[in-house]
Structure formats: structure tokens, C-alpha cells
C-alpha atoms as a PDB file:
ATOM      1  CA  UNK A   1      24.788  23.265 -18.669  1.00  0.00           C
ATOM      2  CA  UNK A   2      22.593  22.566 -15.640  1.00  0.00           C
ATOM      3  CA  UNK A   3      24.744  21.407 -12.718  1.00  0.00           C
ATOM      4  CA  UNK A   4      22.023  19.291 -11.089  1.00  0.00           C
ATOM      5  CA  UNK A   5      23.332  16.660  -8.679  1.00  0.00           C
ATOM      6  CA  UNK A   6      21.660  13.850 -10.646  1.00  0.00           C
ATOM      7  CA  UNK A   7      23.830  14.302 -13.770  1.00  0.00           C
ATOM      8  CA  UNK A   8      26.728  12.672 -11.930  1.00  0.00           C
ATOM      9  CA  UNK A   9      24.821   9.353 -11.920  1.00  0.00           C
ATOM     10  CA  UNK A  10      23.644   9.332 -15.571  1.00  0.00           C
ATOM     11  CA  UNK A  11      25.231   7.922 -18.690  1.00  0.00           C
ATOM     12  CA  UNK A  12      25.379  10.111 -21.808  1.00  0.00           C
ATOM     13  CA  UNK A  13      22.292   8.444 -23.292  1.00  0.00           C
ATOM     14  CA  UNK A  14      20.365   8.665 -20.006  1.00  0.00           C
ATOM     15  CA  UNK A  15      20.854  12.418 -19.842  1.00  0.00           C
ATOM     16  CA  UNK A  16      18.568  12.659 -22.877  1.00  0.00           C
ATOM     17  CA  UNK A  17      15.802  10.790 -21.013  1.00  0.00           C
ATOM     18  CA  UNK A  18      15.229  13.300 -18.236  1.00  0.00           C
ATOM     19  CA  UNK A  19      13.102  16.406 -18.586  1.00  0.00           C
ATOM     20  CA  UNK A  20      13.178  19.612 -16.600  1.00  0.00           C
ATOM     21  CA  UNK A  21       9.749  20.518 -15.248  1.00  0.00           C
ATOM     22  CA  UNK A  22       8.067  22.032 -12.187  1.00  0.00           C
ATOM     23  CA  UNK A  23       7.381  19.596  -9.362  1.00  0.00           C
ATOM     24  CA  UNK A  24       3.813  18.230  -9.629  1.00  0.00           C
ATOM     25  CA  UNK A  25       1.633  18.505  -6.524  1.00  0.00           C
ATOM     26  CA  UNK A  26       0.258  14.972  -6.909  1.00  0.00           C
ATOM     27  CA  UNK A  27       0.826  11.806  -8.942  1.00  0.00           C
ATOM     28  CA  UNK A  28      -0.765   8.399  -9.448  1.00  0.00           C
ATOM     29  CA  UNK A  29       1.745   5.779  -8.239  1.00  0.00           C
ATOM     30  CA  UNK A  30       2.886   2.805 -10.286  1.00  0.00           C
ATOM     31  CA  UNK A  31       1.218  -0.437  -9.183  1.00  0.00           C
ATOM     32  CA  UNK A  32       2.163  -4.088  -9.563  1.00  0.00           C
ATOM     33  CA  UNK A  33       0.227  -7.053 -10.901  1.00  0.00           C
ATOM     34  CA  UNK A  34      -0.316 -10.290  -8.980  1.00  0.00           C
ATOM     35  CA  UNK A  35       1.231 -13.436 -10.411  1.00  0.00           C
ATOM     36  CA  UNK A  36       1.676 -17.027  -9.260  1.00  0.00           C
ATOM     37  CA  UNK A  37       4.266 -17.738 -11.961  1.00  0.00           C
ATOM     38  CA  UNK A  38       7.433 -17.180  -9.949  1.00  0.00           C
ATOM     39  CA  UNK A  39      10.689 -16.957 -11.865  1.00  0.00           C
ATOM     40  CA  UNK A  40      14.381 -16.064 -11.824  1.00  0.00           C
ATOM     41  CA  UNK A  41      15.721 -13.653 -14.418  1.00  0.00           C
ATOM     42  CA  UNK A  42      18.928 -11.557 -14.547  1.00  0.00           C
ATOM     43  CA  UNK A  43      16.946  -8.720 -16.125  1.00  0.00           C
ATOM     44  CA  UNK A  44      14.732  -8.381 -13.047  1.00  0.00           C
ATOM     45  CA  UNK A  45      15.348  -7.258  -9.468  1.00  0.00           C
ATOM     46  CA  UNK A  46      13.572  -8.499  -6.349  1.00  0.00           C
ATOM     47  CA  UNK A  47      12.604  -6.549  -3.220  1.00  0.00           C
ATOM     48  CA  UNK A  48      10.817  -7.472   0.009  1.00  0.00           C
ATOM     49  CA  UNK A  49       7.079  -6.831  -0.297  1.00  0.00           C
ATOM     50  CA  UNK A  50       6.266  -4.604   2.660  1.00  0.00           C
ATOM     51  CA  UNK A  51       2.950  -4.990   4.480  1.00  0.00           C
ATOM     52  CA  UNK A  52       1.959  -1.376   5.137  1.00  0.00           C
ATOM     53  CA  UNK A  53       0.489   1.770   3.621  1.00  0.00           C
ATOM     54  CA  UNK A  54       1.746   3.077   0.281  1.00  0.00           C
ATOM     55  CA  UNK A  55       3.107   6.585   0.654  1.00  0.00           C
ATOM     56  CA  UNK A  56       4.429   9.244  -1.717  1.00  0.00           C
ATOM     57  CA  UNK A  57       6.796  11.826  -0.236  1.00  0.00           C
ATOM     58  CA  UNK A  58       6.892  15.348  -1.687  1.00  0.00           C
ATOM     59  CA  UNK A  59       9.873  17.273  -0.317  1.00  0.00           C
ATOM     60  CA  UNK A  60      10.245  20.870  -1.473  1.00  0.00           C
ATOM     61  CA  UNK A  61      12.665  23.120   0.406  1.00  0.00           C
ATOM     62  CA  UNK A  62      11.571  22.800   4.056  1.00  0.00           C
ATOM     63  CA  UNK A  63       8.099  21.445   3.308  1.00  0.00           C
ATOM     64  CA  UNK A  64       7.395  17.704   3.656  1.00  0.00           C
ATOM     65  CA  UNK A  65       4.108  16.240   2.396  1.00  0.00           C
ATOM     66  CA  UNK A  66       3.164  12.582   2.836  1.00  0.00           C
ATOM     67  CA  UNK A  67       0.354  11.440   0.529  1.00  0.00           C
ATOM     68  CA  UNK A  68      -1.569   8.200   0.080  1.00  0.00           C
ATOM     69  CA  UNK A  69      -1.905   6.606  -3.337  1.00  0.00           C
ATOM     70  CA  UNK A  70      -5.320   8.278  -3.718  1.00  0.00           C
ATOM     71  CA  UNK A  71      -3.787  11.684  -2.880  1.00  0.00           C
ATOM     72  CA  UNK A  72      -4.913  12.076   0.741  1.00  0.00           C
ATOM     73  CA  UNK A  73      -2.581  13.847   3.159  1.00  0.00           C
ATOM     74  CA  UNK A  74      -0.987  11.522   5.711  1.00  0.00           C
ATOM     75  CA  UNK A  75       0.962  14.162   7.674  1.00  0.00           C
ATOM     76  CA  UNK A  76      -1.432  14.192  10.634  1.00  0.00           C
ATOM     77  CA  UNK A  77      -1.360  10.400  10.930  1.00  0.00           C
ATOM     78  CA  UNK A  78       2.434  10.167  10.761  1.00  0.00           C
ATOM     79  CA  UNK A  79       3.841  13.405  12.270  1.00  0.00           C
ATOM     80  CA  UNK A  80       6.869  11.542  13.627  1.00  0.00           C
ATOM     81  CA  UNK A  81       7.846  10.480  10.106  1.00  0.00           C
ATOM     82  CA  UNK A  82       7.627  14.114   8.976  1.00  0.00           C
ATOM     83  CA  UNK A  83       9.808  15.095  11.952  1.00  0.00           C
ATOM     84  CA  UNK A  84      12.473  12.562  10.919  1.00  0.00           C
ATOM     85  CA  UNK A  85      12.598  13.658   7.282  1.00  0.00           C
ATOM     86  CA  UNK A  86      12.510  17.466   7.689  1.00  0.00           C
ATOM     87  CA  UNK A  87      16.107  17.985   8.891  1.00  0.00           C
ATOM     88  CA  UNK A  88      17.651  15.476   6.447  1.00  0.00           C
ATOM     89  CA  UNK A  89      19.738  16.537   3.496  1.00  0.00           C
ATOM     90  CA  UNK A  90      18.174  16.066   0.050  1.00  0.00           C
ATOM     91  CA  UNK A  91      17.176  18.115  -3.004  1.00  0.00           C
ATOM     92  CA  UNK A  92      13.533  18.704  -3.961  1.00  0.00           C
ATOM     93  CA  UNK A  93      12.196  15.198  -4.582  1.00  0.00           C
ATOM     94  CA  UNK A  94       9.172  12.970  -5.013  1.00  0.00           C
ATOM     95  CA  UNK A  95       9.789   9.554  -3.472  1.00  0.00           C
ATOM     96  CA  UNK A  96       7.714   6.377  -3.536  1.00  0.00           C
ATOM     97  CA  UNK A  97       7.638   3.953  -0.639  1.00  0.00           C
ATOM     98  CA  UNK A  98       5.723   2.247   2.144  1.00  0.00           C
ATOM     99  CA  UNK A  99       4.882   3.239   5.706  1.00  0.00           C
ATOM    100  CA  UNK A 100       5.161   0.215   7.988  1.00  0.00           C
ATOM    101  CA  UNK A 101       5.025  -0.909  11.597  1.00  0.00           C
ATOM    102  CA  UNK A 102       6.764  -4.045  12.884  1.00  0.00           C
ATOM    103  CA  UNK A 103       5.605  -6.965  14.996  1.00  0.00           C
ATOM    104  CA  UNK A 104       8.165  -9.617  15.921  1.00  0.00           C
ATOM    105  CA  UNK A 105      10.535  -8.243  13.291  1.00  0.00           C
ATOM    106  CA  UNK A 106       7.982  -8.513  10.451  1.00  0.00           C
ATOM    107  CA  UNK A 107       6.041  -5.643   8.868  1.00  0.00           C
ATOM    108  CA  UNK A 108       2.483  -5.868  10.175  1.00  0.00           C
ATOM    109  CA  UNK A 109      -0.433  -4.080   8.521  1.00  0.00           C
ATOM    110  CA  UNK A 110      -2.789  -4.676  11.452  1.00  0.00           C
ATOM    111  CA  UNK A 111      -0.446  -2.887  13.860  1.00  0.00           C
ATOM    112  CA  UNK A 112      -0.438   0.160  11.590  1.00  0.00           C
ATOM    113  CA  UNK A 113      -4.221   0.437  12.033  1.00  0.00           C
ATOM    114  CA  UNK A 114      -3.711   2.434  15.224  1.00  0.00           C
ATOM    115  CA  UNK A 115      -2.635   5.369  13.014  1.00  0.00           C
ATOM    116  CA  UNK A 116      -5.403   5.112  10.403  1.00  0.00           C
ATOM    117  CA  UNK A 117      -7.910   7.922  10.177  1.00  0.00           C
ATOM    118  CA  UNK A 118      -6.189  10.071  12.791  1.00  0.00           C
ATOM    119  CA  UNK A 119      -6.347  13.775  11.980  1.00  0.00           C
ATOM    120  CA  UNK A 120      -4.860  14.924  15.280  1.00  0.00           C
ATOM    121  CA  UNK A 121      -1.058  14.752  15.259  1.00  0.00           C
ATOM    122  CA  UNK A 122      -0.866  14.578  19.043  1.00  0.00           C
ATOM    123  CA  UNK A 123      -3.176  11.556  19.163  1.00  0.00           C
ATOM    124  CA  UNK A 124      -1.076   9.907  16.478  1.00  0.00           C
ATOM    125  CA  UNK A 125       2.038  10.357  18.597  1.00  0.00           C
ATOM    126  CA  UNK A 126       0.236   9.014  21.660  1.00  0.00           C
ATOM    127  CA  UNK A 127      -0.404   5.653  19.965  1.00  0.00           C
ATOM    128  CA  UNK A 128       3.315   4.924  20.521  1.00  0.00           C
ATOM    129  CA  UNK A 129       3.318   2.771  17.371  1.00  0.00           C
ATOM    130  CA  UNK A 130       6.777   3.186  15.836  1.00  0.00           C
ATOM    131  CA  UNK A 131       6.337   3.839  12.113  1.00  0.00           C
ATOM    132  CA  UNK A 132       9.084   3.446   9.507  1.00  0.00           C
ATOM    133  CA  UNK A 133       9.154   4.838   5.986  1.00  0.00           C
ATOM    134  CA  UNK A 134      10.885   2.558   3.462  1.00  0.00           C
ATOM    135  CA  UNK A 135      11.575   4.150   0.066  1.00  0.00           C
ATOM    136  CA  UNK A 136      12.009   2.068  -3.097  1.00  0.00           C
ATOM    137  CA  UNK A 137      11.812   4.613  -5.931  1.00  0.00           C
ATOM    138  CA  UNK A 138      12.429   8.248  -6.885  1.00  0.00           C
ATOM    139  CA  UNK A 139      10.189   9.940  -9.444  1.00  0.00           C
ATOM    140  CA  UNK A 140      11.359  13.546  -9.413  1.00  0.00           C
ATOM    141  CA  UNK A 141      14.622  15.137  -8.305  1.00  0.00           C
ATOM    142  CA  UNK A 142      16.195  18.577  -8.317  1.00  0.00           C
ATOM    143  CA  UNK A 143      13.882  20.005 -10.995  1.00  0.00           C
ATOM    144  CA  UNK A 144      13.813  16.923 -13.250  1.00  0.00           C
ATOM    145  CA  UNK A 145      11.222  14.262 -14.113  1.00  0.00           C
ATOM    146  CA  UNK A 146      13.010  10.901 -13.735  1.00  0.00           C
ATOM    147  CA  UNK A 147      10.172   8.621 -14.844  1.00  0.00           C
ATOM    148  CA  UNK A 148      11.769   7.770 -18.218  1.00  0.00           C
ATOM    149  CA  UNK A 149      14.985   6.515 -16.643  1.00  0.00           C
ATOM    150  CA  UNK A 150      15.516   2.767 -16.066  1.00  0.00           C
ATOM    151  CA  UNK A 151      14.536   1.543 -12.597  1.00  0.00           C
ATOM    152  CA  UNK A 152      18.114   0.649 -11.594  1.00  0.00           C
ATOM    153  CA  UNK A 153      19.306   4.127 -12.513  1.00  0.00           C
ATOM    154  CA  UNK A 154      16.516   5.678 -10.453  1.00  0.00           C
ATOM    155  CA  UNK A 155      17.452   3.518  -7.479  1.00  0.00           C
ATOM    156  CA  UNK A 156      21.117   4.538  -7.837  1.00  0.00           C
ATOM    157  CA  UNK A 157      20.105   8.204  -7.765  1.00  0.00           C
ATOM    158  CA  UNK A 158      17.786   7.569  -4.821  1.00  0.00           C
ATOM    159  CA  UNK A 159      20.487   5.876  -2.763  1.00  0.00           C
ATOM    160  CA  UNK A 160      23.054   8.633  -3.317  1.00  0.00           C
ATOM    161  CA  UNK A 161      21.121  11.923  -3.277  1.00  0.00           C
ATOM    162  CA  UNK A 162      18.740  11.219  -0.370  1.00  0.00           C
ATOM    163  CA  UNK A 163      19.984  11.018   3.214  1.00  0.00           C
ATOM    164  CA  UNK A 164      18.498   7.967   4.924  1.00  0.00           C
ATOM    165  CA  UNK A 165      18.562   7.859   8.685  1.00  0.00           C
ATOM    166  CA  UNK A 166      16.788   6.148  11.602  1.00  0.00           C
ATOM    167  CA  UNK A 167      13.277   5.072  10.636  1.00  0.00           C
ATOM    168  CA  UNK A 168      13.632   6.605   7.161  1.00  0.00           C
ATOM    169  CA  UNK A 169      15.154   3.797   5.086  1.00  0.00           C
ATOM    170  CA  UNK A 170      16.170   2.709   1.592  1.00  0.00           C
ATOM    171  CA  UNK A 171      14.725  -0.523   0.148  1.00  0.00           C
ATOM    172  CA  UNK A 172      17.579  -2.679  -1.124  1.00  0.00           C
ATOM    173  CA  UNK A 173      17.149  -5.303  -3.825  1.00  0.00           C
ATOM    174  CA  UNK A 174      18.588  -8.564  -5.092  1.00  0.00           C
ATOM    175  CA  UNK A 175      19.191  -9.624  -8.674  1.00  0.00           C
ATOM    176  CA  UNK A 176      18.298 -12.771 -10.585  1.00  0.00           C
ATOM    177  CA  UNK A 177      17.314 -15.475  -8.043  1.00  0.00           C
ATOM    178  CA  UNK A 178      13.619 -14.614  -7.701  1.00  0.00           C
ATOM    179  CA  UNK A 179      12.300 -18.078  -6.856  1.00  0.00           C
ATOM    180  CA  UNK A 180      14.867 -18.627  -4.105  1.00  0.00           C
ATOM    181  CA  UNK A 181      14.285 -15.141  -2.706  1.00  0.00           C
ATOM    182  CA  UNK A 182      10.516 -15.747  -2.669  1.00  0.00           C
ATOM    183  CA  UNK A 183      10.959 -19.079  -0.876  1.00  0.00           C
ATOM    184  CA  UNK A 184      13.166 -17.486   1.805  1.00  0.00           C
ATOM    185  CA  UNK A 185      10.753 -14.569   2.212  1.00  0.00           C
ATOM    186  CA  UNK A 186       7.900 -16.979   2.878  1.00  0.00           C
ATOM    187  CA  UNK A 187      10.002 -18.983   5.350  1.00  0.00           C
ATOM    188  CA  UNK A 188      10.644 -15.744   7.276  1.00  0.00           C
ATOM    189  CA  UNK A 189       6.927 -14.978   7.420  1.00  0.00           C
ATOM    190  CA  UNK A 190       7.097 -11.995   5.059  1.00  0.00           C
ATOM    191  CA  UNK A 191       4.169 -10.951   2.869  1.00  0.00           C
ATOM    192  CA  UNK A 192       6.091 -11.753  -0.287  1.00  0.00           C
ATOM    193  CA  UNK A 193       8.401 -10.297  -2.911  1.00  0.00           C
ATOM    194  CA  UNK A 194       8.107  -7.555  -5.516  1.00  0.00           C
ATOM    195  CA  UNK A 195       9.679  -8.496  -8.865  1.00  0.00           C
ATOM    196  CA  UNK A 196      10.577  -5.494 -11.034  1.00  0.00           C
ATOM    197  CA  UNK A 197      12.050  -5.308 -14.505  1.00  0.00           C
ATOM    198  CA  UNK A 198      15.418  -3.579 -14.039  1.00  0.00           C
ATOM    199  CA  UNK A 199      15.017  -1.470 -17.179  1.00  0.00           C
ATOM    200  CA  UNK A 200      11.393  -0.459 -16.513  1.00  0.00           C
ATOM    201  CA  UNK A 201      10.308   3.172 -16.666  1.00  0.00           C
ATOM    202  CA  UNK A 202       7.902   4.587 -14.061  1.00  0.00           C
ATOM    203  CA  UNK A 203       4.288   4.684 -15.291  1.00  0.00           C
ATOM    204  CA  UNK A 204       1.296   6.130 -13.468  1.00  0.00           C
ATOM    205  CA  UNK A 205      -0.774   2.926 -13.590  1.00  0.00           C
ATOM    206  CA  UNK A 206      -0.668  -0.821 -12.912  1.00  0.00           C
ATOM    207  CA  UNK A 207       2.081  -2.468 -14.948  1.00  0.00           C
ATOM    208  CA  UNK A 208       3.286  -6.007 -15.829  1.00  0.00           C
ATOM    209  CA  UNK A 209       6.830  -4.689 -15.277  1.00  0.00           C
ATOM    210  CA  UNK A 210       6.172  -4.823 -11.527  1.00  0.00           C
ATOM    211  CA  UNK A 211       4.891  -8.181 -10.256  1.00  0.00           C
ATOM    212  CA  UNK A 212       3.742  -9.345  -6.829  1.00  0.00           C
ATOM    213  CA  UNK A 213       4.988 -12.751  -5.611  1.00  0.00           C
ATOM    214  CA  UNK A 214       2.828 -13.271  -2.537  1.00  0.00           C
ATOM    215  CA  UNK A 215       3.449 -15.778   0.249  1.00  0.00           C
ATOM    216  CA  UNK A 216      -0.182 -15.749   1.323  1.00  0.00           C
ATOM    217  CA  UNK A 217      -3.446 -14.861  -0.291  1.00  0.00           C
ATOM    218  CA  UNK A 218      -4.570 -11.344   0.497  1.00  0.00           C
ATOM    219  CA  UNK A 219      -7.192  -9.260  -1.230  1.00  0.00           C
ATOM    220  CA  UNK A 220      -8.576  -5.753  -0.892  1.00  0.00           C
ATOM    221  CA  UNK A 221     -12.366  -5.941  -0.667  1.00  0.00           C
ATOM    222  CA  UNK A 222     -15.269  -3.546  -0.253  1.00  0.00           C
ATOM    223  CA  UNK A 223     -17.527  -3.710   2.812  1.00  0.00           C
ATOM    224  CA  UNK A 224     -21.195  -3.629   1.783  1.00  0.00           C
ATOM    225  CA  UNK A 225     -22.866  -4.560   5.054  1.00  0.00           C
ATOM    226  CA  UNK A 226     -22.539  -6.335   8.376  1.00  0.00           C
ATOM    227  CA  UNK A 227     -24.394  -8.750  10.632  1.00  0.00           C
ATOM    228  CA  UNK A 228     -25.631  -8.181  14.177  1.00  0.00           C
ATOM    229  CA  UNK A 229     -23.266  -9.291  16.967  1.00  0.00           C
ATOM    230  CA  UNK A 230     -23.875 -12.550  18.778  1.00  0.00           C
ATOM    231  CA  UNK A 231     -22.831 -13.953  22.123  1.00  0.00           C
ATOM    232  CA  UNK A 232     -20.369 -11.793  24.032  1.00  0.00           C
ATOM    233  CA  UNK A 233     -19.162  -9.863  20.976  1.00  0.00           C
ATOM    234  CA  UNK A 234     -19.966  -6.162  20.757  1.00  0.00           C
ATOM    235  CA  UNK A 235     -20.536  -3.845  17.756  1.00  0.00           C
ATOM    236  CA  UNK A 236     -21.066  -6.349  14.887  1.00  0.00           C
ATOM    237  CA  UNK A 237     -20.779 -10.016  14.016  1.00  0.00           C
ATOM    238  CA  UNK A 238     -19.255 -10.236  10.537  1.00  0.00           C
ATOM    239  CA  UNK A 239     -18.571  -7.942   7.592  1.00  0.00           C
ATOM    240  CA  UNK A 240     -20.144  -8.628   4.196  1.00  0.00           C
ATOM    241  CA  UNK A 241     -17.518  -8.280   1.483  1.00  0.00           C
ATOM    242  CA  UNK A 242     -17.436  -7.735  -2.246  1.00  0.00           C
ATOM    243  CA  UNK A 243     -15.439  -6.653  -5.285  1.00  0.00           C
ATOM    244  CA  UNK A 244     -16.317  -4.713  -8.410  1.00  0.00           C
ATOM    245  CA  UNK A 245     -16.665  -6.237 -11.852  1.00  0.00           C
ATOM    246  CA  UNK A 246     -18.027  -4.132 -14.732  1.00  0.00           C
ATOM    247  CA  UNK A 247     -19.033  -1.462 -12.222  1.00  0.00           C
ATOM    248  CA  UNK A 248     -21.206  -3.904 -10.220  1.00  0.00           C
ATOM    249  CA  UNK A 249     -20.470  -5.005  -6.640  1.00  0.00           C
ATOM    250  CA  UNK A 250     -20.252  -8.809  -6.423  1.00  0.00           C
ATOM    251  CA  UNK A 251     -20.689 -10.560  -3.080  1.00  0.00           C
ATOM    252  CA  UNK A 252     -17.586 -12.490  -1.976  1.00  0.00           C
ATOM    253  CA  UNK A 253     -18.649 -13.799   1.431  1.00  0.00           C
ATOM    254  CA  UNK A 254     -18.233 -12.535   4.981  1.00  0.00           C
ATOM    255  CA  UNK A 255     -15.468 -12.264   7.531  1.00  0.00           C
ATOM    256  CA  UNK A 256     -15.917 -12.584  11.288  1.00  0.00           C
ATOM    257  CA  UNK A 257     -12.381 -13.266  12.511  1.00  0.00           C
ATOM    258  CA  UNK A 258      -9.261 -11.147  12.914  1.00  0.00           C
ATOM    259  CA  UNK A 259     -10.817  -8.479  15.142  1.00  0.00           C
ATOM    260  CA  UNK A 260      -9.790  -7.347  18.596  1.00  0.00           C
ATOM    261  CA  UNK A 261     -11.899  -5.012  20.768  1.00  0.00           C
ATOM    262  CA  UNK A 262     -10.161  -1.871  19.550  1.00  0.00           C
ATOM    263  CA  UNK A 263     -10.619  -2.851  15.915  1.00  0.00           C
ATOM    264  CA  UNK A 264     -14.266  -3.810  16.427  1.00  0.00           C
ATOM    265  CA  UNK A 265     -14.993  -0.389  17.899  1.00  0.00           C
ATOM    266  CA  UNK A 266     -13.054   1.486  15.217  1.00  0.00           C
ATOM    267  CA  UNK A 267     -14.677  -0.360  12.317  1.00  0.00           C
ATOM    268  CA  UNK A 268     -18.122  -0.057  13.919  1.00  0.00           C
ATOM    269  CA  UNK A 269     -17.829   3.748  13.970  1.00  0.00           C
ATOM    270  CA  UNK A 270     -17.059   3.747  10.260  1.00  0.00           C
ATOM    271  CA  UNK A 271     -19.961   1.395   9.499  1.00  0.00           C
ATOM    272  CA  UNK A 272     -22.485   3.582  11.280  1.00  0.00           C
ATOM    273  CA  UNK A 273     -21.450   6.617   9.219  1.00  0.00           C
ATOM    274  CA  UNK A 274     -22.468   4.763   6.061  1.00  0.00           C
ATOM    275  CA  UNK A 275     -25.840   3.207   6.939  1.00  0.00           C
ATOM    276  CA  UNK A 276     -28.021   2.452   3.903  1.00  0.00           C
ATOM    277  CA  UNK A 277     -31.402   0.828   3.303  1.00  0.00           C
ATOM    278  CA  UNK A 278     -30.260  -0.655   0.001  1.00  0.00           C
ATOM    279  CA  UNK A 279     -28.407  -3.905  -0.624  1.00  0.00           C
ATOM    280  CA  UNK A 280     -25.335  -2.844  -2.666  1.00  0.00           C
ATOM    281  CA  UNK A 281     -24.548  -6.361  -3.972  1.00  0.00           C
ATOM    282  CA  UNK A 282     -25.981  -7.691  -7.237  1.00  0.00           C
ATOM    283  CA  UNK A 283     -25.744 -11.337  -6.148  1.00  0.00           C
ATOM    284  CA  UNK A 284     -26.150 -11.522  -2.359  1.00  0.00           C
ATOM    285  CA  UNK A 285     -27.465 -15.065  -1.753  1.00  0.00           C
ATOM    286  CA  UNK A 286     -27.680 -15.466   2.019  1.00  0.00           C
ATOM    287  CA  UNK A 287     -30.256 -14.666   4.678  1.00  0.00           C
ATOM    288  CA  UNK A 288     -30.979 -10.980   5.252  1.00  0.00           C
ATOM    289  CA  UNK A 289     -32.096 -11.577   8.845  1.00  0.00           C
ATOM    290  CA  UNK A 290     -29.929  -9.483  11.179  1.00  0.00           C
ATOM    291  CA  UNK A 291     -28.112  -7.896   8.214  1.00  0.00           C
ATOM    292  CA  UNK A 292     -27.450  -4.152   7.925  1.00  0.00           C
ATOM    293  CA  UNK A 293     -26.413  -2.559   4.634  1.00  0.00           C
ATOM    294  CA  UNK A 294     -23.947   0.282   4.243  1.00  0.00           C
ATOM    295  CA  UNK A 295     -22.854   2.500   1.373  1.00  0.00           C
ATOM    296  CA  UNK A 296     -19.986   0.574  -0.264  1.00  0.00           C
ATOM    297  CA  UNK A 297     -17.153   3.045   0.269  1.00  0.00           C
ATOM    298  CA  UNK A 298     -15.058   1.262   2.926  1.00  0.00           C
ATOM    299  CA  UNK A 299     -12.130  -0.868   1.729  1.00  0.00           C
ATOM    300  CA  UNK A 300     -10.434  -3.504   3.874  1.00  0.00           C
ATOM    301  CA  UNK A 301      -7.593  -6.004   3.564  1.00  0.00           C
ATOM    302  CA  UNK A 302      -8.465  -9.691   3.969  1.00  0.00           C
ATOM    303  CA  UNK A 303      -6.259 -12.777   4.280  1.00  0.00           C
ATOM    304  CA  UNK A 304      -7.766 -16.069   3.067  1.00  0.00           C
ATOM    305  CA  UNK A 305      -6.798 -19.572   1.944  1.00  0.00           C
ATOM    306  CA  UNK A 306      -8.412 -19.627  -1.519  1.00  0.00           C
ATOM    307  CA  UNK A 307     -11.327 -18.602  -3.724  1.00  0.00           C
ATOM    308  CA  UNK A 308     -14.127 -21.151  -4.095  1.00  0.00           C
ATOM    309  CA  UNK A 309     -15.619 -22.037  -7.486  1.00  0.00           C
ATOM    310  CA  UNK A 310     -18.507 -19.730  -6.588  1.00  0.00           C
ATOM    311  CA  UNK A 311     -16.054 -16.811  -6.155  1.00  0.00           C
ATOM    312  CA  UNK A 312     -16.385 -16.758  -2.364  1.00  0.00           C
ATOM    313  CA  UNK A 313     -13.551 -16.473   0.135  1.00  0.00           C
ATOM    314  CA  UNK A 314     -12.506 -19.572   2.043  1.00  0.00           C
ATOM    315  CA  UNK A 315     -11.317 -19.051   5.660  1.00  0.00           C
ATOM    316  CA  UNK A 316     -11.081 -15.260   5.505  1.00  0.00           C
ATOM    317  CA  UNK A 317      -9.488 -13.178   8.283  1.00  0.00           C
ATOM    318  CA  UNK A 318      -9.672  -9.397   8.677  1.00  0.00           C
ATOM    319  CA  UNK A 319      -6.319  -7.555   8.551  1.00  0.00           C
ATOM    320  CA  UNK A 320      -7.420  -3.926   8.613  1.00  0.00           C
ATOM    321  CA  UNK A 321      -9.096  -1.024   6.847  1.00  0.00           C
ATOM    322  CA  UNK A 322      -7.448   0.581   3.841  1.00  0.00           C
ATOM    323  CA  UNK A 323      -7.748   4.277   3.061  1.00  0.00           C
ATOM    324  CA  UNK A 324      -5.342   4.383   0.143  1.00  0.00           C
ATOM    325  CA  UNK A 325      -7.671   2.889  -2.449  1.00  0.00           C
ATOM    326  CA  UNK A 326     -11.082   3.898  -3.772  1.00  0.00           C
ATOM    327  CA  UNK A 327     -13.802   1.271  -3.470  1.00  0.00           C
ATOM    328  CA  UNK A 328     -14.608   1.423  -7.195  1.00  0.00           C
ATOM    329  CA  UNK A 329     -11.019   0.350  -7.952  1.00  0.00           C
ATOM    330  CA  UNK A 330     -11.317  -2.902  -5.979  1.00  0.00           C
ATOM    331  CA  UNK A 331     -11.432  -5.866  -8.334  1.00  0.00           C
ATOM    332  CA  UNK A 332     -10.793  -9.595  -7.853  1.00  0.00           C
ATOM    333  CA  UNK A 333      -7.059 -10.209  -8.281  1.00  0.00           C
END
């Protein structure tokens, strides 16, 4: 019989759930659904929702590959994370987790922006933004596909077969008291909580077995244009935002806050690469004076208070660009 390290952590019935197979070079990660119906349930576990960039780790022998959820290499942007993981002890694995940076003890997506889009490892190091990789799941280990195992079994394997050290960390969980955990997370200023069915298998799609309990409203949106700057501001005034519904881009309002000078310059460079003469929205209903359209391929993260009855954002604030999601996949949550 195969003497793989993982067999030590499996029950007799669970050994029938794993399959030996070559390590895939890419996967589509499991995604959670947003809910406002918070609950407590002994059959579910609860983890901190981390405010960063989703990252899949492929470790094979001495080779470490970090990949975004849309299969882009992240090694050049996070060379220090690769450096941390390379010497650690672990079998060939595929891990699922989140790359994060901290501000005042809280994971902060905006701070991570300094690493986005960097293809020069030296420049990435020079940002001096300390990046951590928190791992919450294991998909493949030591020649076996683990996706059909229950989540708690996968986490047990993850905790025992992977060496965690320094800024490479394991995501712990709590059982049962989801509502209390969510309340405390919000009091601490965290983004929220992930609720996961303890027996859930890993699927390569969005699933109701993983739920997002958010403390604040955040939404990924597509940038379809921008307005000219006014006053002392440079580069642009506000971004015109939208989401897809039935393959059509719907206008959701504009955002003009949440930018510092570095972010304004960075976003402006991306806007200019995508200039277009065509309005990409099907329902843009504001003045076009001083408006510039772009090809709708840029995705950003926006914080806001609520959606209006007209499906527009109220009090939006820019958090940062996202590169781990295709624009066509952005829908209203």
C-alpha cells in the first residue's frame, strides 16, 4: 500500500475518497457566497475573512508557484513570500489562501496595492510592504487529490503536513458560535467572517457551503470611464463604475474618494492604456461633459454604505485595483 504521509490522518472511509493523480498546473478556486443571514451552527466552522489577494500555492519539489484566482503568476510581485516558503518542509502540495498586508494590526487591501502589477522582483522588495501568506485549505498533497475529503479533514492534513513559519501562516477556525464571532470581528475592525460547512468538499466554483459574513459593504466593480480632474487634483476626478448582468455592463455610479497621490498616478496609468471612444454602459444617465471612456477590463474594490433603489452606490470609497478577477465575472452581489 502507498505510504503517503496523508494516510495517517484519514479514517478508513476517508481513504476511499482520495484519488491518486498527477499535480494539475492550475485550478479554479472555490468561492463563497455573500449572505446577511448570520447564524450559529455546530456543523459549520468560522474563520476570519482576510482583506487581501487570493492566492494558490503550487509547491513541487523545489519549485514554488504563486498564482492568482484567474491563474496569473504572482511570484514577481511577492518574491519574499516565495523566499520564505522554499526552504520549508512539506510534500508536493496545492494550497489555498490569501496574501495580506497589515495596517494597525488589521489586514488592509489598500496597503497591498503597492505590490500590484509589479513584474520586477527587485522593485517589489523595495516597496518594503511586509506581505503575509495565510493558508486555509489544501487541495492536493503528496500525489493525491484531496477535494472529496471533508473540509475539517483537509484542514487537519494541512496543519500537520505543512511547515508554517514566520509570515507563512495557518488560518485557524472556531466552531458553532458564528453570530458572536461575526460581532467580535466587526468590533475589531475586521472585514468579516467566512462561514464554511465542516463536511463540505472542495469544488471549483462558487458554493453555498462557503458563506461571507461581511462587517461592511464591499463590492468588486468594473471601471468603464473616468471624469476630468478638478481643483488641485491631478490625473482624474472620479471613476465610473459598473457591474455585469446578462453580459451587459450596468452603470452603478462613480467614486471620487479613497485615493492618495500614489494611487491616483497608478490608476491613471492603467486608465490611459484602455482609452476608448465608446460608452461601455447600457444605462449611463449622467452628463458626458468631461467624461472619458475606457475598455471595461479594469476591476476595483469599492466600500460603500448601501445600494440605492436605482442600483447606484451610496457613499462609495475606492479601496484598490483587483487583478485576480476577470471583468466579465463581476456581478452585483
